[in-house]
Amino acid sequence: MNTNVPTTAAVPSVNTTTLWPALAGAAALALVVLYGVAFADSPLAHNAAHDVRHVTVKPCH
């Protein structure tokens, strides 16, 4: 029986040089979608976003 149990788990390292551009891109895309839906002339897009706000119990009006 092997009683040598490791006490620490290996944590993978994160390459921050590729992480920041990905986070910035995701934030930019989120802002484009947010403003695109908020100022959309399409009632379908506006109502879909409006319904999501109700489902997530966030005030909208």
N, C-alpha and C. Protein backbone atom coordinates (compact mmCIF):
# COMPACT_ATOMS: atom_id res chain seq x y z
N MET A 1 0.84 -1.16 0.00
CA MET A 1 0.00 0.00 0.00
C MET A 1 0.90 1.24 0.00
N ASN A 2 0.52 2.22 -0.83
CA ASN A 2 1.30 3.45 -0.94
C ASN A 2 0.71 4.50 0.01
N THR A 3 1.51 4.92 0.97
CA THR A 3 1.04 5.92 1.93
C THR A 3 1.59 7.32 1.62
N ASN A 4 2.31 7.44 0.53
CA ASN A 4 2.86 8.74 0.14
C ASN A 4 1.81 9.52 -0.65
N VAL A 5 1.00 10.28 0.05
CA VAL A 5 -0.05 11.07 -0.57
C VAL A 5 0.45 12.50 -0.69
N PRO A 6 0.39 13.07 -1.87
CA PRO A 6 0.85 14.46 -2.00
C PRO A 6 -0.07 15.41 -1.21
N THR A 7 0.54 16.39 -0.56
CA THR A 7 -0.24 17.30 0.28
C THR A 7 -0.65 18.56 -0.48
N THR A 8 -0.03 18.83 -1.61
CA THR A 8 -0.40 20.01 -2.38
C THR A 8 -0.75 19.59 -3.80
N ALA A 9 -1.72 20.28 -4.36
CA ALA A 9 -2.11 20.00 -5.73
C ALA A 9 -1.33 20.93 -6.66
N ALA A 10 -1.03 20.43 -7.82
CA ALA A 10 -0.32 21.25 -8.80
C ALA A 10 -1.29 22.25 -9.40
N VAL A 11 -0.92 23.52 -9.40
CA VAL A 11 -1.75 24.58 -9.95
C VAL A 11 -1.12 25.01 -11.27
N PRO A 12 -1.90 24.94 -12.35
CA PRO A 12 -1.32 25.33 -13.63
C PRO A 12 -1.05 26.83 -13.66
N SER A 13 0.02 27.21 -14.32
CA SER A 13 0.34 28.62 -14.42
C SER A 13 -0.50 29.26 -15.53
N VAL A 14 -0.79 30.53 -15.39
CA VAL A 14 -1.59 31.26 -16.36
C VAL A 14 -0.67 32.24 -17.07
N ASN A 15 -0.72 32.21 -18.38
CA ASN A 15 0.09 33.12 -19.18
C ASN A 15 -0.66 34.44 -19.29
N THR A 16 -0.23 35.45 -18.53
CA THR A 16 -0.95 36.71 -18.49
C THR A 16 -0.78 37.51 -19.78
N THR A 17 0.22 37.21 -20.57
CA THR A 17 0.39 37.97 -21.82
C THR A 17 -0.71 37.64 -22.82
N THR A 18 -1.30 36.46 -22.72
CA THR A 18 -2.41 36.13 -23.60
C THR A 18 -3.76 36.28 -22.90
N LEU A 19 -3.76 36.39 -21.60
CA LEU A 19 -5.01 36.52 -20.85
C LEU A 19 -5.60 37.92 -20.98
N TRP A 20 -4.81 38.96 -20.84
CA TRP A 20 -5.32 40.33 -20.88
C TRP A 20 -5.95 40.71 -22.21
N PRO A 21 -5.34 40.39 -23.35
CA PRO A 21 -6.02 40.71 -24.61
C PRO A 21 -7.34 39.97 -24.77
N ALA A 22 -7.42 38.75 -24.28
CA ALA A 22 -8.67 38.00 -24.36
C ALA A 22 -9.74 38.64 -23.48
N LEU A 23 -9.37 39.08 -22.28
CA LEU A 23 -10.33 39.75 -21.41
C LEU A 23 -10.77 41.08 -21.99
N ALA A 24 -9.84 41.82 -22.58
CA ALA A 24 -10.19 43.10 -23.20
C ALA A 24 -11.12 42.89 -24.39
N GLY A 25 -10.87 41.87 -25.18
CA GLY A 25 -11.74 41.57 -26.31
C GLY A 25 -13.13 41.17 -25.86
N ALA A 26 -13.20 40.38 -24.82
CA ALA A 26 -14.51 39.96 -24.29
C ALA A 26 -15.28 41.16 -23.75
N ALA A 27 -14.59 42.06 -23.06
CA ALA A 27 -15.25 43.25 -22.53
C ALA A 27 -15.73 44.15 -23.66
N ALA A 28 -14.92 44.31 -24.69
CA ALA A 28 -15.31 45.13 -25.83
C ALA A 28 -16.53 44.54 -26.54
N LEU A 29 -16.52 43.24 -26.73
CA LEU A 29 -17.66 42.58 -27.36
C LEU A 29 -18.92 42.74 -26.50
N ALA A 30 -18.79 42.62 -25.20
CA ALA A 30 -19.93 42.78 -24.30
C ALA A 30 -20.51 44.19 -24.40
N LEU A 31 -19.65 45.19 -24.48
CA LEU A 31 -20.13 46.57 -24.60
C LEU A 31 -20.84 46.79 -25.93
N VAL A 32 -20.30 46.23 -27.00
CA VAL A 32 -20.94 46.37 -28.31
C VAL A 32 -22.32 45.72 -28.30
N VAL A 33 -22.41 44.54 -27.72
CA VAL A 33 -23.71 43.85 -27.65
C VAL A 33 -24.67 44.63 -26.75
N LEU A 34 -24.18 45.11 -25.62
CA LEU A 34 -25.03 45.86 -24.69
C LEU A 34 -25.60 47.11 -25.35
N TYR A 35 -24.74 47.91 -25.96
CA TYR A 35 -25.22 49.13 -26.60
C TYR A 35 -26.00 48.83 -27.88
N GLY A 36 -25.62 47.78 -28.57
CA GLY A 36 -26.36 47.42 -29.77
C GLY A 36 -27.79 47.03 -29.47
N VAL A 37 -27.99 46.32 -28.37
CA VAL A 37 -29.34 45.91 -27.99
C VAL A 37 -30.09 47.07 -27.33
N ALA A 38 -29.38 47.87 -26.54
CA ALA A 38 -30.05 48.96 -25.83
C ALA A 38 -30.61 49.99 -26.80
N PHE A 39 -29.90 50.26 -27.89
CA PHE A 39 -30.35 51.27 -28.84
C PHE A 39 -30.88 50.67 -30.13
N ALA A 40 -31.27 49.41 -30.09
CA ALA A 40 -31.76 48.74 -31.29
C ALA A 40 -33.15 49.23 -31.64
N ASP A 41 -33.38 49.37 -32.93
CA ASP A 41 -34.72 49.72 -33.40
C ASP A 41 -35.62 48.49 -33.45
N SER A 42 -35.00 47.33 -33.38
CA SER A 42 -35.75 46.08 -33.45
C SER A 42 -36.43 45.80 -32.12
N PRO A 43 -37.74 45.70 -32.10
CA PRO A 43 -38.42 45.37 -30.84
C PRO A 43 -38.08 43.97 -30.35
N LEU A 44 -37.73 43.08 -31.26
CA LEU A 44 -37.39 41.71 -30.85
C LEU A 44 -36.14 41.72 -29.97
N ALA A 45 -35.08 42.41 -30.40
CA ALA A 45 -33.84 42.46 -29.62
C ALA A 45 -34.08 43.19 -28.30
N HIS A 46 -34.79 44.28 -28.35
CA HIS A 46 -35.05 45.04 -27.13
C HIS A 46 -35.87 44.23 -26.12
N ASN A 47 -36.90 43.58 -26.60
CA ASN A 47 -37.75 42.79 -25.70
C ASN A 47 -37.02 41.57 -25.14
N ALA A 48 -36.13 40.98 -25.91
CA ALA A 48 -35.35 39.85 -25.41
C ALA A 48 -34.46 40.30 -24.26
N ALA A 49 -33.79 41.44 -24.42
CA ALA A 49 -32.94 41.96 -23.34
C ALA A 49 -33.79 42.35 -22.14
N HIS A 50 -34.96 42.91 -22.40
CA HIS A 50 -35.86 43.32 -21.32
C HIS A 50 -36.33 42.11 -20.51
N ASP A 51 -36.65 41.03 -21.19
CA ASP A 51 -37.10 39.82 -20.50
C ASP A 51 -35.99 39.22 -19.66
N VAL A 52 -34.75 39.29 -20.15
CA VAL A 52 -33.62 38.77 -19.38
C VAL A 52 -33.47 39.56 -18.09
N ARG A 53 -33.66 40.86 -18.15
CA ARG A 53 -33.56 41.67 -16.92
C ARG A 53 -34.63 41.23 -15.91
N HIS A 54 -35.83 40.92 -16.38
CA HIS A 54 -36.87 40.46 -15.47
C HIS A 54 -36.54 39.09 -14.87
N VAL A 55 -36.01 38.20 -15.69
CA VAL A 55 -35.69 36.85 -15.23
C VAL A 55 -34.59 36.88 -14.17
N THR A 56 -33.61 37.78 -14.35
CA THR A 56 -32.49 37.86 -13.40
C THR A 56 -32.79 38.81 -12.24
N VAL A 57 -34.05 39.24 -12.10
CA VAL A 57 -34.55 40.06 -11.01
C VAL A 57 -33.73 41.35 -10.89
N LYS A 58 -33.51 42.01 -12.00
CA LYS A 58 -32.85 43.31 -11.99
C LYS A 58 -33.90 44.35 -12.37
N PRO A 59 -33.85 45.49 -11.71
CA PRO A 59 -34.84 46.52 -12.05
C PRO A 59 -34.59 47.09 -13.44
N CYS A 60 -35.64 47.36 -14.15
CA CYS A 60 -35.48 47.93 -15.48
C CYS A 60 -36.43 49.09 -15.73
N HIS A 61 -37.42 49.26 -14.90
CA HIS A 61 -38.31 50.43 -15.05
C HIS A 61 -39.03 50.70 -13.76
